[in-house]
Amino acid sequence: MKNKMKIGLLVLCFSSLYQVTANANDSISSNDVPQLIERNIEIYPSRAWAHDKEGYVKITYDINAAGKVENAKVVEAEPKNLFEKSALDSIYKWKYEPNKPTRGMEVTINYKKPK
């Protein structure tokens, strides 16, 4: 029972650990950008959590006609080799409204621990 409570508390904490800001490529008008309809919670890497590390990952990606993310690539990350896998694993689970294929989307995922 105590373990289930601890896990539940961790899940609640993780849900408030990050901030996601999305900026579309400037060449895409805001009317053409598909709406994000499903986003899962990024997992804060345990190694980063244990060492009180914060950071961000900037990713470029495309959205296909089905609303799925394709061709996601990390273009910048700080610190390096810490948050990239979590960010990429998460972004491939995002879903956008269909029938609006878009290339050159960009998002920055910030990993911040609560103070």
N, C-alpha and C. Protein backbone atom coordinates (compact mmCIF):
# COMPACT_ATOMS: atom_id res chain seq x y z
N MET A 1 0.82 -1.19 0.00
CA MET A 1 0.00 0.00 0.00
C MET A 1 0.87 1.26 0.00
N LYS A 2 1.90 1.28 0.86
CA LYS A 2 2.78 2.44 0.91
C LYS A 2 3.51 2.63 -0.41
N ASN A 3 3.92 1.52 -1.05
CA ASN A 3 4.60 1.63 -2.34
C ASN A 3 3.69 2.25 -3.39
N LYS A 4 2.41 1.86 -3.39
CA LYS A 4 1.46 2.43 -4.35
C LYS A 4 1.28 3.92 -4.11
N MET A 5 1.27 4.32 -2.85
CA MET A 5 1.14 5.74 -2.53
C MET A 5 2.38 6.50 -2.98
N LYS A 6 3.55 5.92 -2.79
CA LYS A 6 4.79 6.57 -3.23
C LYS A 6 4.81 6.71 -4.74
N ILE A 7 4.40 5.67 -5.45
CA ILE A 7 4.37 5.72 -6.91
C ILE A 7 3.39 6.79 -7.37
N GLY A 8 2.22 6.83 -6.76
CA GLY A 8 1.23 7.85 -7.10
C GLY A 8 1.76 9.26 -6.88
N LEU A 9 2.46 9.46 -5.77
CA LEU A 9 3.04 10.75 -5.47
C LEU A 9 4.10 11.12 -6.49
N LEU A 10 4.93 10.16 -6.87
CA LEU A 10 5.95 10.42 -7.88
C LEU A 10 5.32 10.81 -9.21
N VAL A 11 4.26 10.12 -9.60
CA VAL A 11 3.58 10.45 -10.86
C VAL A 11 3.05 11.88 -10.80
N LEU A 12 2.46 12.26 -9.68
CA LEU A 12 1.96 13.63 -9.53
C LEU A 12 3.10 14.63 -9.62
N CYS A 13 4.21 14.33 -8.98
CA CYS A 13 5.36 15.22 -9.03
C CYS A 13 5.89 15.35 -10.46
N PHE A 14 6.01 14.22 -11.14
CA PHE A 14 6.53 14.24 -12.50
C PHE A 14 5.66 15.06 -13.43
N SER A 15 4.36 15.08 -13.18
CA SER A 15 3.47 15.81 -14.08
C SER A 15 3.71 17.32 -14.01
N SER A 16 4.34 17.79 -12.94
CA SER A 16 4.60 19.23 -12.83
C SER A 16 6.07 19.56 -13.00
N LEU A 17 6.85 18.63 -13.51
CA LEU A 17 8.29 18.84 -13.59
C LEU A 17 8.79 19.52 -14.84
N TYR A 18 7.97 19.65 -15.81
CA TYR A 18 8.46 20.18 -17.07
C TYR A 18 7.49 21.18 -17.64
N GLN A 19 8.01 21.96 -18.54
CA GLN A 19 7.20 22.93 -19.25
C GLN A 19 7.49 22.71 -20.72
N VAL A 20 6.46 22.68 -21.52
CA VAL A 20 6.65 22.47 -22.94
C VAL A 20 6.17 23.71 -23.67
N THR A 21 7.04 24.24 -24.52
CA THR A 21 6.64 25.37 -25.35
C THR A 21 6.89 24.99 -26.79
N ALA A 22 5.92 25.21 -27.64
CA ALA A 22 6.05 24.84 -29.05
C ALA A 22 6.01 26.09 -29.91
N ASN A 23 6.93 26.16 -30.85
CA ASN A 23 6.97 27.25 -31.80
C ASN A 23 7.05 26.67 -33.19
N ALA A 24 6.11 27.01 -34.03
CA ALA A 24 6.14 26.52 -35.41
C ALA A 24 7.17 27.32 -36.20
N ASN A 25 7.67 26.71 -37.24
CA ASN A 25 8.58 27.37 -38.16
C ASN A 25 7.93 28.65 -38.65
N ASP A 26 8.69 29.74 -38.76
CA ASP A 26 8.14 31.03 -39.17
C ASP A 26 7.49 31.01 -40.54
N SER A 27 7.88 30.08 -41.40
CA SER A 27 7.33 30.04 -42.75
C SER A 27 5.95 29.39 -42.80
N ILE A 28 5.47 28.88 -41.68
CA ILE A 28 4.17 28.22 -41.64
C ILE A 28 3.18 29.19 -41.00
N SER A 29 2.06 29.47 -41.68
CA SER A 29 1.07 30.37 -41.08
C SER A 29 0.36 29.64 -39.95
N SER A 30 -0.13 30.40 -38.97
CA SER A 30 -0.75 29.78 -37.81
C SER A 30 -2.02 29.01 -38.17
N ASN A 31 -2.69 29.36 -39.27
CA ASN A 31 -3.88 28.63 -39.70
C ASN A 31 -3.55 27.24 -40.21
N ASP A 32 -2.33 27.07 -40.70
CA ASP A 32 -1.93 25.80 -41.28
C ASP A 32 -1.34 24.83 -40.27
N VAL A 33 -1.00 25.31 -39.09
CA VAL A 33 -0.36 24.47 -38.08
C VAL A 33 -1.42 23.58 -37.43
N PRO A 34 -1.23 22.26 -37.46
CA PRO A 34 -2.20 21.37 -36.83
C PRO A 34 -2.18 21.53 -35.31
N GLN A 35 -3.33 21.32 -34.70
CA GLN A 35 -3.45 21.41 -33.25
C GLN A 35 -2.99 20.11 -32.60
N LEU A 36 -2.25 20.25 -31.53
CA LEU A 36 -1.84 19.09 -30.73
C LEU A 36 -3.07 18.60 -29.98
N ILE A 37 -3.44 17.33 -30.18
CA ILE A 37 -4.64 16.82 -29.53
C ILE A 37 -4.34 15.80 -28.43
N GLU A 38 -3.12 15.27 -28.42
CA GLU A 38 -2.76 14.32 -27.36
C GLU A 38 -1.27 14.43 -27.08
N ARG A 39 -0.95 14.69 -25.81
CA ARG A 39 0.45 14.78 -25.41
C ARG A 39 0.62 14.00 -24.11
N ASN A 40 1.59 13.11 -24.09
CA ASN A 40 1.84 12.36 -22.86
C ASN A 40 2.83 13.12 -21.99
N ILE A 41 3.01 12.65 -20.79
CA ILE A 41 3.92 13.29 -19.85
C ILE A 41 5.33 12.76 -20.08
N GLU A 42 6.27 13.68 -20.23
CA GLU A 42 7.66 13.29 -20.37
C GLU A 42 8.16 12.71 -19.05
N ILE A 43 9.01 11.72 -19.15
CA ILE A 43 9.59 11.10 -17.95
C ILE A 43 10.88 11.85 -17.60
N TYR A 44 10.97 12.29 -16.36
CA TYR A 44 12.19 12.95 -15.89
C TYR A 44 13.21 11.85 -15.64
N PRO A 45 14.31 11.83 -16.35
CA PRO A 45 15.29 10.74 -16.18
C PRO A 45 15.76 10.65 -14.73
N SER A 46 15.80 9.43 -14.20
CA SER A 46 16.17 9.23 -12.80
C SER A 46 17.58 9.73 -12.50
N ARG A 47 18.49 9.57 -13.45
CA ARG A 47 19.86 10.04 -13.25
C ARG A 47 19.89 11.56 -13.09
N ALA A 48 19.09 12.26 -13.89
CA ALA A 48 19.01 13.72 -13.79
C ALA A 48 18.37 14.13 -12.47
N TRP A 49 17.31 13.43 -12.09
CA TRP A 49 16.62 13.72 -10.84
C TRP A 49 17.55 13.54 -9.65
N ALA A 50 18.27 12.43 -9.63
CA ALA A 50 19.16 12.10 -8.50
C ALA A 50 20.29 13.12 -8.35
N HIS A 51 20.70 13.72 -9.45
CA HIS A 51 21.81 14.68 -9.41
C HIS A 51 21.33 16.13 -9.51
N ASP A 52 20.03 16.34 -9.28
CA ASP A 52 19.45 17.70 -9.33
C ASP A 52 19.78 18.44 -10.62
N LYS A 53 19.72 17.73 -11.73
CA LYS A 53 20.01 18.34 -13.03
C LYS A 53 18.73 18.86 -13.66
N GLU A 54 18.82 20.01 -14.28
CA GLU A 54 17.75 20.58 -15.07
C GLU A 54 18.31 20.86 -16.46
N GLY A 55 17.43 21.01 -17.42
CA GLY A 55 17.92 21.28 -18.76
C GLY A 55 16.78 21.39 -19.76
N TYR A 56 17.16 21.31 -21.03
CA TYR A 56 16.16 21.41 -22.09
C TYR A 56 16.63 20.62 -23.30
N VAL A 57 15.66 20.32 -24.16
CA VAL A 57 15.94 19.66 -25.43
C VAL A 57 15.12 20.37 -26.50
N LYS A 58 15.79 20.81 -27.56
CA LYS A 58 15.10 21.42 -28.70
C LYS A 58 15.05 20.38 -29.81
N ILE A 59 13.85 20.15 -30.34
CA ILE A 59 13.63 19.10 -31.34
C ILE A 59 12.92 19.69 -32.55
N THR A 60 13.34 19.28 -33.75
CA THR A 60 12.58 19.57 -34.96
C THR A 60 11.92 18.28 -35.41
N TYR A 61 10.75 18.41 -36.06
CA TYR A 61 10.02 17.22 -36.47
C TYR A 61 8.99 17.58 -37.53
N ASP A 62 8.45 16.55 -38.15
CA ASP A 62 7.39 16.70 -39.14
C ASP A 62 6.14 16.01 -38.60
N ILE A 63 5.00 16.39 -39.15
CA ILE A 63 3.73 15.75 -38.81
C ILE A 63 3.15 15.20 -40.10
N ASN A 64 2.80 13.93 -40.11
CA ASN A 64 2.24 13.32 -41.33
C ASN A 64 0.73 13.55 -41.40
N ALA A 65 0.11 13.09 -42.48
CA ALA A 65 -1.32 13.31 -42.71
C ALA A 65 -2.19 12.64 -41.65
N ALA A 66 -1.68 11.61 -41.00
CA ALA A 66 -2.43 10.93 -39.94
C ALA A 66 -2.30 11.66 -38.60
N GLY A 67 -1.47 12.71 -38.54
CA GLY A 67 -1.29 13.46 -37.30
C GLY A 67 -0.20 12.91 -36.41
N LYS A 68 0.63 12.02 -36.96
CA LYS A 68 1.71 11.42 -36.17
C LYS A 68 3.03 12.15 -36.43
N VAL A 69 3.88 12.15 -35.41
CA VAL A 69 5.19 12.78 -35.51
C VAL A 69 6.14 11.86 -36.27
N GLU A 70 6.92 12.47 -37.18
CA GLU A 70 7.94 11.75 -37.94
C GLU A 70 9.22 12.57 -37.94
N ASN A 71 10.32 11.91 -38.23
CA ASN A 71 11.62 12.57 -38.47
C ASN A 71 12.06 13.49 -37.34
N ALA A 72 11.77 13.13 -36.11
CA ALA A 72 12.18 13.96 -34.97
C ALA A 72 13.69 13.88 -34.79
N LYS A 73 14.29 15.05 -34.62
CA LYS A 73 15.74 15.14 -34.44
C LYS A 73 16.05 16.17 -33.35
N VAL A 74 16.97 15.81 -32.48
CA VAL A 74 17.44 16.75 -31.47
C VAL A 74 18.39 17.72 -32.16
N VAL A 75 18.11 19.01 -32.04
CA VAL A 75 18.99 20.01 -32.64
C VAL A 75 19.82 20.74 -31.59
N GLU A 76 19.39 20.63 -30.33
CA GLU A 76 20.14 21.27 -29.25
C GLU A 76 19.69 20.65 -27.94
N ALA A 77 20.61 20.47 -27.03
CA ALA A 77 20.27 19.95 -25.70
C ALA A 77 21.30 20.43 -24.69
N GLU A 78 20.81 20.72 -23.51
CA GLU A 78 21.70 21.15 -22.43
C GLU A 78 21.15 20.60 -21.13
N PRO A 79 21.91 19.84 -20.36
CA PRO A 79 23.20 19.27 -20.71
C PRO A 79 23.04 18.16 -21.75
N LYS A 80 24.09 17.89 -22.44
CA LYS A 80 24.06 16.87 -23.48
C LYS A 80 23.98 15.46 -22.88
N ASN A 81 23.35 14.56 -23.62
CA ASN A 81 23.25 13.14 -23.27
C ASN A 81 22.55 12.86 -21.94
N LEU A 82 21.54 13.67 -21.63
CA LEU A 82 20.82 13.45 -20.38
C LEU A 82 19.30 13.39 -20.59
N PHE A 83 18.75 14.34 -21.33
CA PHE A 83 17.30 14.42 -21.50
C PHE A 83 16.82 14.03 -22.90
N GLU A 84 17.73 13.83 -23.84
CA GLU A 84 17.35 13.61 -25.23
C GLU A 84 16.44 12.39 -25.43
N LYS A 85 16.79 11.27 -24.83
CA LYS A 85 16.00 10.04 -25.03
C LYS A 85 14.58 10.23 -24.50
N SER A 86 14.45 10.79 -23.33
CA SER A 86 13.13 11.04 -22.75
C SER A 86 12.29 11.94 -23.65
N ALA A 87 12.90 13.00 -24.16
CA ALA A 87 12.18 13.94 -25.01
C ALA A 87 11.75 13.28 -26.32
N LEU A 88 12.64 12.54 -26.96
CA LEU A 88 12.30 11.87 -28.23
C LEU A 88 11.25 10.79 -28.02
N ASP A 89 11.40 10.00 -26.96
CA ASP A 89 10.40 8.96 -26.68
C ASP A 89 9.02 9.59 -26.51
N SER A 90 8.97 10.71 -25.86
CA SER A 90 7.70 11.38 -25.61
C SER A 90 7.10 11.97 -26.88
N ILE A 91 7.90 12.68 -27.65
CA ILE A 91 7.35 13.40 -28.81
C ILE A 91 6.79 12.44 -29.85
N TYR A 92 7.35 11.25 -29.96
CA TYR A 92 6.82 10.28 -30.92
C TYR A 92 5.44 9.75 -30.50
N LYS A 93 5.02 10.02 -29.27
CA LYS A 93 3.69 9.60 -28.81
C LYS A 93 2.66 10.71 -28.96
N TRP A 94 3.11 11.92 -29.29
CA TRP A 94 2.17 13.02 -29.46
C TRP A 94 1.30 12.77 -30.68
N LYS A 95 0.07 13.30 -30.64
CA LYS A 95 -0.84 13.18 -31.78
C LYS A 95 -1.41 14.55 -32.11
N TYR A 96 -1.42 14.86 -33.40
CA TYR A 96 -1.96 16.11 -33.90
C TYR A 96 -3.23 15.84 -34.70
N GLU A 97 -4.00 16.90 -34.94
CA GLU A 97 -5.19 16.73 -35.77
C GLU A 97 -4.75 16.24 -37.15
N PRO A 98 -5.52 15.33 -37.73
CA PRO A 98 -5.14 14.75 -39.02
C PRO A 98 -5.39 15.70 -40.19
N ASN A 99 -4.85 15.30 -41.33
CA ASN A 99 -5.04 15.99 -42.61
C ASN A 99 -4.40 17.37 -42.68
N LYS A 100 -3.37 17.59 -41.86
CA LYS A 100 -2.61 18.82 -41.93
C LYS A 100 -1.12 18.48 -41.85
N PRO A 101 -0.61 17.74 -42.84
CA PRO A 101 0.81 17.40 -42.78
C PRO A 101 1.65 18.68 -42.77
N THR A 102 2.64 18.69 -41.92
CA THR A 102 3.46 19.88 -41.72
C THR A 102 4.91 19.47 -41.53
N ARG A 103 5.80 20.21 -42.15
CA ARG A 103 7.23 19.96 -42.01
C ARG A 103 7.88 21.10 -41.24
N GLY A 104 8.94 20.77 -40.54
CA GLY A 104 9.73 21.81 -39.89
C GLY A 104 9.15 22.35 -38.59
N MET A 105 8.40 21.55 -37.87
CA MET A 105 7.91 21.98 -36.55
C MET A 105 9.10 21.97 -35.59
N GLU A 106 9.01 22.77 -34.55
CA GLU A 106 10.08 22.84 -33.56
C GLU A 106 9.46 22.97 -32.17
N VAL A 107 10.04 22.28 -31.22
CA VAL A 107 9.57 22.36 -29.84
C VAL A 107 10.79 22.34 -28.92
N THR A 108 10.67 23.06 -27.81
CA THR A 108 11.67 23.00 -26.76
C THR A 108 11.00 22.43 -25.52
N ILE A 109 11.55 21.35 -25.02
CA ILE A 109 11.03 20.72 -23.80
C ILE A 109 12.00 21.07 -22.68
N ASN A 110 11.48 21.77 -21.67
CA ASN A 110 12.29 22.17 -20.53
C ASN A 110 12.05 21.23 -19.37
N TYR A 111 13.11 20.75 -18.78
CA TYR A 111 13.03 19.88 -17.61
C TYR A 111 13.47 20.69 -16.40
N LYS A 112 12.52 20.96 -15.50
CA LYS A 112 12.82 21.76 -14.31
C LYS A 112 12.24 21.06 -13.09
N LYS A 113 13.05 20.96 -12.07
CA LYS A 113 12.57 20.38 -10.81
C LYS A 113 11.85 21.45 -10.02
N PRO A 114 10.80 21.05 -9.29
CA PRO A 114 10.11 22.04 -8.45
C PRO A 114 11.03 22.51 -7.32
N LYS A 115 10.89 23.74 -6.97
CA LYS A 115 11.74 24.32 -5.92
C LYS A 115 11.16 24.04 -4.56
